[in-house]
């Protein structure tokens, strides 16, 4: 990476010799931007990032000289390096390396806020039907009660139930078991302190082979679930996501913010899961390259949107009453994930799925009380008002 005095870090700026033309240097790919920045210098960062994104959009992602860059990952890639190097511009390659980089950066940022004795357990697993994943788990920490950051790169044949689910979303797919490829990153962070919100994010790429036609699309989102409402936190979170969206289209944030509010709805409770964020699915326009750039920007926005909130609140004192409220809200989190979440349903319907990774999003502890309702003048009730009627934060 290149360290700039503006406290901008750009990873993976690589040059390599062109085969047969040793005098020609080929500028390949600026892959990832804005790992860890000083948040008060965001104006400088945003100005530079606009130009870096433009340069990165014009060149392929990966070169044969990039193999050393994988040393910063939590584990070696799922796909063999020889295969990745032989297909540097293939979207499957680009997506796998992007999510592995985001996984490593986020895990390391979380570990910096945690007690030094608590590190992520790295579990690399294989799926006999094709592919595998890397699950990173930190449990029973001082700051993080349970944190899971998982990537999966899988392939195989879609079962009929999964095909039916996709058809219900408007996908024109043939009958039978269709070859597919999916790569994604999913993370859920359950903090110990009730004043630190929970974050969830998921970004994924999907391909389905239908005869001679390949259908592809991206999906994902980032959302925040506080236990006590802090307006400044919600504004910072949404503002950071909006900035990531606006670099690609001014229509993205309002559209995907509303989609998020609607998706993370718990109908039987009449509540949203949290204060929202962004959510999108089946995104395949304007073209594959531009959508990938947008997804990368969103994934890179996770650290600046969330880590300042962890640092701000992790050492605040809290009462047993606040802890019990946190556990009640986690019960709502469990209800949504097991009853309504589309990703959980897809995973449970996929043959050979790794159920430990699917259930990674569930907290260590949750609570249900019969007919619980907080007092109307309480801080707990103020949160419920926002969950029942979503608001615009920026």
Protein backbone atom coordinates (compact mmCIF):
# COMPACT_ATOMS: atom_id res chain seq x y z
CA UNK A 1 0.00 0.00 0.00
CA UNK A 2 0.94 3.63 -0.36
CA UNK A 3 0.74 5.74 2.80
CA UNK A 4 -0.13 9.36 2.05
CA UNK A 5 0.28 12.32 4.40
CA UNK A 6 -3.45 12.94 4.13
CA UNK A 7 -3.92 9.78 6.23
CA UNK A 8 -5.33 7.93 3.26
CA UNK A 9 -4.33 4.34 2.83
CA UNK A 10 -4.62 2.71 -0.57
CA UNK A 11 -3.92 -0.99 -0.67
CA UNK A 12 -2.82 -3.04 -3.59
CA UNK A 13 -1.42 -0.47 -6.01
CA UNK A 14 0.56 -2.87 -8.14
CA UNK A 15 2.88 -2.62 -11.08
CA UNK A 16 4.15 -5.57 -13.06
CA UNK A 17 6.33 -6.30 -16.08
CA UNK A 18 4.45 -7.20 -19.22
CA UNK A 19 5.52 -10.62 -20.53
CA UNK A 20 7.84 -10.22 -23.51
CA UNK A 21 8.01 -6.44 -23.05
CA UNK A 22 10.15 -5.83 -20.00
CA UNK A 23 10.33 -2.11 -20.62
CA UNK A 24 6.58 -1.64 -20.47
CA UNK A 25 5.15 -1.25 -16.98
CA UNK A 26 1.45 -2.09 -16.76
CA UNK A 27 -0.61 -0.28 -14.18
CA UNK A 28 -3.17 -2.84 -13.05
CA UNK A 29 -5.60 -2.17 -10.27
CA UNK A 30 -6.16 0.08 -7.31
CA UNK A 31 -8.41 -2.40 -5.52
CA UNK A 32 -9.42 -0.94 -2.24
CA UNK A 33 -9.61 2.52 -0.83
CA UNK A 34 -10.07 4.01 2.61
CA UNK A 35 -9.21 1.21 5.02
CA UNK A 36 -8.65 3.20 8.16
CA UNK A 37 -8.71 6.99 8.00
CA UNK A 38 -8.83 9.79 10.48
CA UNK A 39 -12.47 10.69 10.44
CA UNK A 40 -11.86 14.40 10.91
CA UNK A 41 -9.92 14.38 7.62
CA UNK A 42 -12.77 12.97 5.56
CA UNK A 43 -12.92 16.01 3.27
CA UNK A 44 -9.41 15.30 2.00
CA UNK A 45 -10.17 11.61 1.82
CA UNK A 46 -13.33 12.07 -0.26
CA UNK A 47 -11.61 14.34 -2.78
CA UNK A 48 -8.83 11.84 -3.37
CA UNK A 49 -11.09 8.78 -3.40
CA UNK A 50 -13.13 10.15 -6.32
CA UNK A 51 -10.03 10.12 -8.53
CA UNK A 52 -8.80 6.77 -7.23
CA UNK A 53 -12.13 5.14 -8.02
CA UNK A 54 -11.98 6.48 -11.56
CA UNK A 55 -8.50 5.07 -12.10
CA UNK A 56 -9.45 1.76 -10.54
CA UNK A 57 -12.49 1.47 -12.77
CA UNK A 58 -10.35 1.60 -15.88
CA UNK A 59 -8.08 -1.35 -15.20
CA UNK A 60 -8.34 -5.03 -14.19
CA UNK A 61 -8.32 -6.07 -10.56
CA UNK A 62 -5.62 -8.67 -10.21
CA UNK A 63 -2.21 -9.54 -11.62
CA UNK A 64 0.18 -12.42 -11.21
CA UNK A 65 2.37 -10.20 -9.07
CA UNK A 66 -0.48 -9.70 -6.62
CA UNK A 67 -0.20 -13.07 -4.90
CA UNK A 68 1.81 -11.62 -2.01
CA UNK A 69 -1.07 -9.27 -1.21
CA UNK A 70 -3.07 -12.20 0.14
CA UNK A 71 -0.75 -12.39 3.15
CA UNK A 72 -2.96 -9.87 4.93
CA UNK A 73 -6.06 -12.03 4.57
CA UNK A 74 -7.43 -14.04 7.49
CA UNK A 75 -6.69 -17.24 5.52
CA UNK A 76 -5.73 -18.25 2.00
CA UNK A 77 -8.40 -17.76 -0.70
CA UNK A 78 -11.03 -20.42 -1.25
CA UNK A 79 -10.27 -20.65 -4.96
CA UNK A 80 -6.75 -21.90 -5.79
CA UNK A 81 -4.34 -19.05 -6.49
CA UNK A 82 -3.46 -20.46 -9.91
CA UNK A 83 -7.10 -20.22 -10.94
CA UNK A 84 -7.45 -16.68 -9.60
CA UNK A 85 -4.29 -15.58 -11.41
CA UNK A 86 -5.43 -17.11 -14.68
CA UNK A 87 -8.75 -15.21 -14.57
CA UNK A 88 -7.86 -11.77 -13.19
CA UNK A 89 -10.75 -9.89 -14.82
CA UNK A 90 -13.43 -12.49 -14.11
CA UNK A 91 -16.03 -11.13 -11.70
CA UNK A 92 -15.83 -14.27 -9.59
CA UNK A 93 -12.14 -13.55 -8.99
CA UNK A 94 -12.64 -9.87 -8.28
CA UNK A 95 -15.48 -10.50 -5.84
CA UNK A 96 -13.64 -13.20 -3.91
CA UNK A 97 -10.56 -11.05 -3.38
CA UNK A 98 -12.61 -7.98 -2.48
CA UNK A 99 -14.60 -9.75 0.24
CA UNK A 100 -11.47 -11.38 1.65
CA UNK A 101 -9.83 -7.99 1.97
CA UNK A 102 -12.88 -6.45 3.64
CA UNK A 103 -13.07 -9.40 6.04
CA UNK A 104 -9.45 -8.97 7.10
CA UNK A 105 -9.67 -5.21 7.53
CA UNK A 106 -12.87 -5.37 9.57
CA UNK A 107 -11.63 -8.17 11.84
CA UNK A 108 -8.41 -6.29 12.55
CA UNK A 109 -10.30 -3.06 13.26
CA UNK A 110 -12.52 -4.91 15.75
CA UNK A 111 -9.56 -6.58 17.43
CA UNK A 112 -7.98 -3.17 18.05
CA UNK A 113 -11.01 -2.21 20.17
CA UNK A 114 -11.02 -5.53 22.04
CA UNK A 115 -8.96 -6.84 24.91
CA UNK A 116 -5.57 -7.90 23.57
CA UNK A 117 -6.12 -11.50 24.70
CA UNK A 118 -9.21 -11.91 22.52
CA UNK A 119 -8.59 -12.60 18.85
CA UNK A 120 -10.76 -13.96 16.08
CA UNK A 121 -10.90 -17.71 15.67
CA UNK A 122 -10.37 -18.41 11.96
CA UNK A 123 -12.15 -21.47 10.63
CA UNK A 124 -11.61 -22.25 6.96
CA UNK A 125 -14.04 -24.85 5.70
CA UNK A 126 -14.81 -26.68 2.48
CA UNK A 127 -18.09 -27.66 0.90
CA UNK A 128 -18.06 -31.02 -0.84
CA UNK A 129 -20.52 -29.78 -3.49
CA UNK A 130 -18.06 -27.03 -4.42
CA UNK A 131 -16.24 -24.13 -2.79
CA UNK A 132 -16.08 -23.25 0.87
CA UNK A 133 -15.67 -20.34 3.21
CA UNK A 134 -13.77 -18.64 6.01
CA UNK A 135 -15.63 -18.03 9.26
CA UNK A 136 -14.06 -15.64 11.76
CA UNK A 137 -15.60 -15.69 15.24
CA UNK A 138 -14.79 -13.78 18.43
CA UNK A 139 -16.84 -14.71 21.51
CA UNK A 140 -16.95 -13.63 25.17
CA UNK A 141 -14.72 -10.64 24.69
CA UNK A 142 -14.63 -7.56 26.89
CA UNK A 143 -16.11 -5.37 24.15
CA UNK A 144 -17.55 -7.93 21.75
CA UNK A 145 -19.89 -10.50 23.22
CA UNK A 146 -20.09 -12.23 19.85
CA UNK A 147 -18.70 -11.08 16.53
CA UNK A 148 -18.88 -13.08 13.33
CA UNK A 149 -17.39 -12.14 9.97
CA UNK A 150 -17.94 -14.82 7.37
CA UNK A 151 -17.14 -15.16 3.69
CA UNK A 152 -18.32 -17.93 1.42
CA UNK A 153 -17.41 -18.80 -2.15
CA UNK A 154 -19.60 -21.68 -3.25
CA UNK A 155 -20.78 -23.35 -6.44
CA UNK A 156 -22.95 -26.28 -7.42
CA UNK A 157 -26.55 -26.75 -8.53
CA UNK A 158 -29.51 -24.79 -7.23
CA UNK A 159 -32.15 -26.97 -5.56
CA UNK A 160 -35.78 -26.52 -6.70
CA UNK A 161 -36.72 -24.58 -3.55
CA UNK A 162 -34.02 -21.99 -4.22
CA UNK A 163 -35.05 -21.70 -7.88
CA UNK A 164 -38.66 -21.12 -6.79
CA UNK A 165 -37.55 -18.40 -4.38
CA UNK A 166 -35.66 -16.64 -7.18
CA UNK A 167 -38.61 -16.92 -9.55
CA UNK A 168 -40.78 -15.23 -6.94
CA UNK A 169 -38.45 -12.22 -7.24
CA UNK A 170 -38.91 -12.10 -11.01
CA UNK A 171 -35.97 -14.21 -12.18
CA UNK A 172 -36.67 -16.02 -15.46
CA UNK A 173 -35.13 -19.42 -14.79
CA UNK A 174 -35.68 -22.81 -16.39
CA UNK A 175 -36.86 -25.93 -14.61
CA UNK A 176 -34.40 -28.31 -13.03
CA UNK A 177 -31.22 -27.93 -11.04
CA UNK A 178 -29.20 -25.04 -12.45
CA UNK A 179 -25.44 -24.49 -12.00
CA UNK A 180 -24.68 -21.50 -9.78
CA UNK A 181 -21.83 -19.54 -8.22
CA UNK A 182 -22.14 -17.31 -5.17
CA UNK A 183 -19.57 -15.25 -3.29
CA UNK A 184 -20.36 -13.03 -0.36
CA UNK A 185 -19.37 -11.57 2.96
CA UNK A 186 -21.71 -11.42 5.94
CA UNK A 187 -21.01 -10.00 9.38
CA UNK A 188 -22.97 -9.45 12.58
CA UNK A 189 -21.42 -7.79 15.63
CA UNK A 190 -23.16 -8.16 19.00
CA UNK A 191 -21.38 -5.90 21.52
CA UNK A 192 -21.43 -6.42 25.26
CA UNK A 193 -22.26 -2.83 26.21
CA UNK A 194 -25.94 -1.93 25.54
CA UNK A 195 -24.84 1.54 24.45
CA UNK A 196 -22.88 0.12 21.51
CA UNK A 197 -25.22 -0.78 18.63
CA UNK A 198 -25.20 -4.01 16.70
CA UNK A 199 -24.19 -3.84 13.04
CA UNK A 200 -24.97 -6.23 10.24
CA UNK A 201 -23.69 -6.10 6.69
CA UNK A 202 -23.81 -8.45 3.75
CA UNK A 203 -22.53 -8.06 0.20
CA UNK A 204 -22.83 -10.82 -2.37
CA UNK A 205 -22.48 -11.73 -6.04
CA UNK A 206 -24.52 -14.43 -7.76
CA UNK A 207 -24.31 -16.22 -11.10
CA UNK A 208 -26.76 -18.78 -12.49
CA UNK A 209 -26.10 -20.78 -15.66
CA UNK A 210 -29.39 -21.23 -17.50
CA UNK A 211 -28.58 -23.11 -20.69
CA UNK A 212 -26.17 -20.93 -22.65
CA UNK A 213 -27.19 -17.82 -20.74
CA UNK A 214 -25.50 -16.61 -17.54
CA UNK A 215 -27.61 -14.44 -15.27
CA UNK A 216 -25.75 -12.38 -12.67
CA UNK A 217 -26.64 -9.89 -9.98
CA UNK A 218 -25.38 -8.27 -6.78
CA UNK A 219 -27.10 -7.74 -3.48
CA UNK A 220 -26.30 -6.49 -0.03
CA UNK A 221 -26.62 -3.80 2.56
CA UNK A 222 -25.50 -2.45 5.91
CA UNK A 223 -27.84 -1.74 8.82
CA UNK A 224 -27.62 -0.65 12.45
CA UNK A 225 -29.53 -2.00 15.45
CA UNK A 226 -29.13 0.18 18.55
CA UNK A 227 -30.49 -0.75 21.95
CA UNK A 228 -30.69 2.88 23.05
CA UNK A 229 -31.35 5.60 20.53
CA UNK A 230 -28.53 8.06 19.94
CA UNK A 231 -29.42 10.53 17.21
CA UNK A 232 -25.81 11.52 16.53
CA UNK A 233 -24.84 7.88 16.02
CA UNK A 234 -27.71 7.25 13.60
CA UNK A 235 -26.92 10.41 11.64
CA UNK A 236 -23.21 9.55 11.38
CA UNK A 237 -24.03 6.01 10.27
CA UNK A 238 -26.51 7.05 7.59
CA UNK A 239 -24.39 9.96 6.40
CA UNK A 240 -21.42 7.66 5.81
CA UNK A 241 -23.56 5.23 3.82
CA UNK A 242 -25.10 8.07 1.83
CA UNK A 243 -21.66 9.36 0.86
CA UNK A 244 -20.72 5.91 -0.42
CA UNK A 245 -23.94 5.71 -2.44
CA UNK A 246 -23.74 9.24 -3.82
CA UNK A 247 -20.37 8.59 -5.45
CA UNK A 248 -22.21 6.29 -7.86
CA UNK A 249 -25.75 7.68 -8.06
CA UNK A 250 -27.74 10.25 -6.13
CA UNK A 251 -30.75 7.96 -6.44
CA UNK A 252 -29.16 5.02 -4.62
CA UNK A 253 -29.33 6.15 -1.00
CA UNK A 254 -33.00 7.22 -0.81
CA UNK A 255 -34.07 4.14 -2.77
CA UNK A 256 -31.98 1.66 -0.81
CA UNK A 257 -32.68 3.33 2.54
CA UNK A 258 -36.41 2.83 2.02
CA UNK A 259 -35.79 -0.72 0.84
CA UNK A 260 -33.84 -1.38 4.05
CA UNK A 261 -36.65 -0.04 6.25
CA UNK A 262 -39.12 -2.30 4.47
CA UNK A 263 -36.90 -5.39 4.40
CA UNK A 264 -35.93 -5.42 8.07
CA UNK A 265 -39.54 -5.35 9.17
CA UNK A 266 -40.91 -7.69 11.83
CA UNK A 267 -44.61 -7.75 10.85
CA UNK A 268 -45.87 -9.72 13.83
CA UNK A 269 -44.27 -7.14 16.16
CA UNK A 270 -45.07 -4.04 14.12
CA UNK A 271 -41.44 -2.98 14.41
CA UNK A 272 -38.32 -2.63 12.31
CA UNK A 273 -35.25 -4.49 13.51
CA UNK A 274 -33.22 -1.31 13.90
CA UNK A 275 -32.69 2.21 12.54
CA UNK A 276 -31.96 0.89 9.07
CA UNK A 277 -29.23 1.71 6.63
CA UNK A 278 -29.22 0.53 3.02
CA UNK A 279 -30.39 -2.69 1.39
CA UNK A 280 -30.62 -3.81 -2.24
CA UNK A 281 -30.93 -7.02 -4.19
CA UNK A 282 -30.97 -8.25 -7.80
CA UNK A 283 -28.87 -5.24 -8.87
CA UNK A 284 -27.59 -5.75 -12.43
CA UNK A 285 -27.62 -2.24 -13.93
CA UNK A 286 -26.03 -0.24 -15.48
CA UNK A 287 -23.35 -2.92 -16.02
CA UNK A 288 -21.39 -5.51 -14.09
CA UNK A 289 -18.29 -3.40 -13.63
CA UNK A 290 -20.11 -0.34 -12.30
CA UNK A 291 -22.28 -2.34 -9.92
CA UNK A 292 -19.16 -4.03 -8.56
CA UNK A 293 -17.64 -0.60 -7.97
CA UNK A 294 -20.73 0.46 -6.05
CA UNK A 295 -20.73 -2.69 -3.92
CA UNK A 296 -17.04 -2.20 -3.16
CA UNK A 297 -17.68 1.37 -2.01
CA UNK A 298 -20.44 0.19 0.31
CA UNK A 299 -18.27 -2.55 1.78
CA UNK A 300 -15.44 -0.09 2.35
CA UNK A 301 -17.84 2.23 4.19
CA UNK A 302 -18.46 -0.28 6.99
CA UNK A 303 -15.41 0.62 9.08
CA UNK A 304 -15.85 4.42 9.04
CA UNK A 305 -19.60 4.08 9.64
CA UNK A 306 -19.36 1.78 12.65
CA UNK A 307 -15.98 1.76 14.38
CA UNK A 308 -16.27 5.34 15.73
CA UNK A 309 -19.48 4.26 17.49
CA UNK A 310 -17.70 1.34 19.14
CA UNK A 311 -14.85 3.55 20.34
CA UNK A 312 -17.30 6.17 21.58
CA UNK A 313 -19.49 3.93 23.73
CA UNK A 314 -17.58 0.74 24.60
CA UNK A 315 -16.44 1.98 28.04
CA UNK A 316 -19.69 3.63 29.13
CA UNK A 317 -21.28 2.34 32.32
CA UNK A 318 -24.60 0.53 32.10
CA UNK A 319 -27.15 -0.90 34.52
CA UNK A 320 -28.66 -4.36 34.84
CA UNK A 321 -31.95 -2.91 33.57
CA UNK A 322 -30.20 -1.71 30.42
CA UNK A 323 -28.61 -5.13 29.97
CA UNK A 324 -32.02 -6.83 30.25
CA UNK A 325 -33.44 -4.46 27.63
CA UNK A 326 -30.54 -5.30 25.34
CA UNK A 327 -31.37 -9.00 25.66
CA UNK A 328 -35.05 -8.34 24.89
CA UNK A 329 -34.10 -6.49 21.71
CA UNK A 330 -31.81 -9.34 20.75
CA UNK A 331 -34.84 -11.57 20.98
CA UNK A 332 -36.40 -9.48 18.21
CA UNK A 333 -33.18 -9.90 16.22
CA UNK A 334 -33.48 -13.67 16.50
CA UNK A 335 -37.13 -13.58 15.45
CA UNK A 336 -36.36 -11.69 12.26
CA UNK A 337 -33.37 -13.81 11.29
CA UNK A 338 -35.10 -17.14 11.75
CA UNK A 339 -38.53 -16.21 10.40
CA UNK A 340 -38.04 -13.60 7.66
CA UNK A 341 -34.43 -13.27 6.53
CA UNK A 342 -34.02 -14.32 2.90
CA UNK A 343 -30.36 -15.22 3.25
CA UNK A 344 -31.05 -17.57 6.14
CA UNK A 345 -33.80 -19.27 4.16
CA UNK A 346 -31.57 -19.68 1.10
CA UNK A 347 -28.76 -21.12 3.19
CA UNK A 348 -31.00 -23.65 4.89
CA UNK A 349 -32.35 -24.73 1.49
CA UNK A 350 -28.90 -25.20 -0.07
CA UNK A 351 -27.51 -28.76 -0.01
CA UNK A 352 -24.26 -29.02 1.90
CA UNK A 353 -24.72 -25.62 3.52
CA UNK A 354 -22.66 -24.98 6.64
CA UNK A 355 -25.28 -24.39 9.28
CA UNK A 356 -22.84 -23.15 11.92
CA UNK A 357 -21.96 -20.28 9.60
CA UNK A 358 -25.62 -19.60 8.80
CA UNK A 359 -26.45 -19.34 12.50
CA UNK A 360 -23.40 -17.16 13.11
CA UNK A 361 -25.65 -14.09 13.19
CA UNK A 362 -27.47 -15.18 16.35
CA UNK A 363 -26.34 -13.67 19.67
CA UNK A 364 -24.93 -15.70 22.54
CA UNK A 365 -27.82 -14.60 24.73
CA UNK A 366 -31.35 -13.33 24.12
CA UNK A 367 -34.47 -12.88 26.23
CA UNK A 368 -38.23 -13.03 25.86
CA UNK A 369 -40.66 -11.67 28.44
CA UNK A 370 -44.40 -12.11 28.29
CA UNK A 371 -46.24 -8.93 27.19
CA UNK A 372 -43.30 -6.64 27.89
CA UNK A 373 -43.91 -2.94 27.20
CA UNK A 374 -41.64 -0.12 28.47
CA UNK A 375 -42.95 3.04 30.12
CA UNK A 376 -43.89 5.74 27.62
CA UNK A 377 -41.52 8.31 29.13
CA UNK A 378 -38.54 5.95 29.10
CA UNK A 379 -35.51 5.81 26.82
CA UNK A 380 -36.57 2.33 25.83
CA UNK A 381 -39.89 3.63 24.56
CA UNK A 382 -38.16 6.35 22.52
CA UNK A 383 -36.35 3.62 20.63
CA UNK A 384 -39.61 1.79 19.99
CA UNK A 385 -41.15 4.93 18.49
CA UNK A 386 -38.41 5.04 15.84
CA UNK A 387 -38.64 1.31 15.20
CA UNK A 388 -42.39 1.57 14.67
CA UNK A 389 -42.15 4.66 12.47
CA UNK A 390 -38.84 4.87 10.56
CA UNK A 391 -37.42 8.35 10.07
CA UNK A 392 -35.03 10.06 7.67
CA UNK A 393 -31.68 10.61 9.33
CA UNK A 394 -29.92 12.65 6.62
